[in-house]
Protein backbone atom coordinates (compact mmCIF):
# COMPACT_ATOMS: atom_id res chain seq x y z
CA GLU A 1 -23.90 -54.77 14.26
CA GLY A 2 -27.40 -53.65 13.36
CA GLY A 3 -26.30 -50.18 12.29
CA GLY A 4 -28.88 -48.37 14.41
CA LEU A 5 -26.66 -46.80 17.09
CA TYR A 6 -26.12 -43.08 16.59
CA ILE A 7 -23.72 -40.95 18.62
CA ALA A 8 -23.74 -37.19 19.24
CA GLU A 9 -20.24 -35.84 19.82
CA ARG A 10 -18.96 -32.63 21.42
CA ASP A 11 -15.25 -31.79 21.40
CA GLY A 12 -14.35 -35.37 20.42
CA ARG A 13 -16.34 -36.90 23.28
CA VAL A 14 -19.62 -38.78 23.32
CA ALA A 15 -22.32 -36.32 24.38
CA GLY A 16 -25.24 -38.67 23.85
CA PHE A 17 -26.57 -41.64 21.92
CA ALA A 18 -29.77 -43.15 20.62
CA CYS A 19 -30.73 -46.37 18.91
CA ILE A 20 -32.95 -45.63 15.91
CA ASN A 21 -34.33 -48.43 13.76
CA GLY A 22 -37.54 -50.01 12.53
CA ASP A 23 -37.78 -52.59 15.32
CA GLU A 24 -40.96 -52.24 17.35
CA PRO A 25 -41.41 -53.94 20.72
CA ALA A 26 -44.13 -56.60 20.71
CA GLU A 27 -45.98 -54.47 23.28
CA TYR A 28 -46.55 -51.80 20.59
CA ALA A 29 -48.97 -54.10 18.72
CA ALA A 30 -51.88 -53.36 21.06
CA LEU A 31 -51.62 -49.56 20.74
CA PRO A 32 -53.65 -47.37 18.34
CA TRP A 33 -50.79 -46.01 16.22
CA ASN A 34 -51.80 -43.68 13.39
CA GLY A 35 -48.95 -44.50 11.06
CA THR A 36 -47.80 -47.70 9.45
CA LYS A 37 -44.08 -48.02 8.61
CA ALA A 38 -42.07 -46.12 11.21
CA LEU A 39 -38.67 -45.56 12.71
CA VAL A 40 -38.48 -46.14 16.46
CA ILE A 41 -36.26 -44.17 18.82
CA HIS A 42 -34.89 -46.48 21.54
CA ARG A 43 -32.64 -45.96 24.56
CA MET A 44 -31.67 -42.31 24.20
CA ALA A 45 -29.22 -40.93 26.77
CA VAL A 46 -27.23 -37.74 27.23
CA ALA A 47 -23.97 -37.51 29.20
CA MET A 48 -24.42 -35.81 32.57
CA ASP A 49 -22.07 -32.94 31.70
CA GLN A 50 -23.91 -32.33 28.40
CA ARG A 51 -27.44 -32.01 29.72
CA GLN A 52 -29.37 -28.78 29.13
CA LYS A 53 -27.19 -28.04 26.08
CA GLY A 54 -29.58 -29.13 23.32
CA VAL A 55 -28.04 -32.56 22.70
CA ALA A 56 -31.33 -34.46 23.09
CA MET A 57 -33.19 -32.03 20.82
CA GLU A 58 -30.41 -32.40 18.25
CA MET A 59 -30.70 -36.18 18.37
CA MET A 60 -34.48 -35.99 17.99
CA GLY A 61 -34.02 -33.71 14.97
CA PHE A 62 -31.53 -36.19 13.55
CA ALA A 63 -34.08 -39.02 13.93
CA GLU A 64 -36.62 -36.97 11.96
CA LYS A 65 -34.06 -36.25 9.22
CA LEU A 66 -33.10 -39.93 9.07
CA ALA A 67 -36.75 -40.95 8.71
CA ARG A 68 -37.34 -38.46 5.90
CA GLU A 69 -34.21 -39.65 4.07
CA GLN A 70 -35.62 -43.19 4.20
CA GLY A 71 -39.05 -42.07 2.96
CA ILE A 72 -40.63 -42.74 6.36
CA GLN A 73 -43.18 -40.28 7.71
CA VAL A 74 -43.70 -41.69 11.22
CA LEU A 75 -41.53 -41.81 14.34
CA LYS A 76 -42.47 -43.81 17.43
CA THR A 77 -40.94 -43.88 20.88
CA ASP A 78 -41.66 -44.54 24.53
CA THR A 79 -40.16 -43.79 27.92
CA TYR A 80 -40.72 -44.73 31.52
CA SER A 81 -43.43 -42.76 33.35
CA LEU A 82 -40.93 -41.55 35.93
CA ASN A 83 -38.60 -40.11 33.27
CA THR A 84 -40.17 -36.66 33.38
CA LYS A 85 -37.45 -35.02 31.27
CA MET A 86 -37.91 -37.40 28.32
CA ASN A 87 -41.69 -37.19 28.55
CA ALA A 88 -41.42 -33.39 28.45
CA LEU A 89 -38.94 -33.51 25.53
CA PHE A 90 -41.23 -35.70 23.41
CA GLN A 91 -44.13 -33.35 24.01
CA LYS A 92 -41.99 -30.27 23.29
CA MET A 93 -40.86 -31.86 19.99
CA GLY A 94 -44.46 -32.34 18.85
CA TYR A 95 -44.97 -36.01 19.67
CA GLN A 96 -48.47 -37.12 20.61
CA MET A 97 -49.01 -39.66 23.38
CA ILE A 98 -51.14 -42.44 21.92
CA GLY A 99 -51.34 -44.72 24.95
CA THR A 100 -49.28 -46.60 27.50
CA MET A 101 -47.78 -50.05 27.73
CA GLN A 102 -46.33 -52.16 30.47
CA PHE A 103 -42.94 -53.88 30.37
CA LYS A 104 -42.45 -56.99 32.48
CA GLY A 105 -40.51 -56.19 35.64
CA LYS A 106 -41.38 -52.47 35.61
CA GLU A 107 -43.86 -51.17 38.14
CA MET A 108 -45.01 -48.07 36.26
CA PRO A 109 -46.32 -47.82 32.65
CA PHE A 110 -44.45 -46.47 29.64
CA PRO A 111 -46.18 -43.63 27.76
CA CYS A 112 -45.89 -44.21 24.01
CA TYR A 113 -45.50 -41.34 21.56
CA GLU A 114 -45.85 -40.90 17.83
CA LYS A 115 -45.00 -38.07 15.45
CA ILE A 116 -46.29 -37.85 11.90
CA LEU A 117 -43.77 -35.87 9.86
CA SER A 118 -45.08 -33.26 7.48
């Protein structure tokens, strides 16, 4: 309904998805973001049989392209501390960790990342 769900397909099947929109969790307000207007990458996932095939990197590249097309120069995202693969992907893609936040009901913090597009 909101138009922010994006799907990566391989051979007619869903290989992965991400929600990308301008909605920021309330918990973001306390963090020292560098940018103002931003797109936020939410809930990215890759199908088990498509992992290690570049799907996540492709979706991250798509998010950057989408932001540029909308005249937005900042991307924000977060992931659970225990999600080592996503944390590594964000760092590999040039995102800078700007702090952590806590979500109610989760024991560990969520590192928050930002990328200023050039």
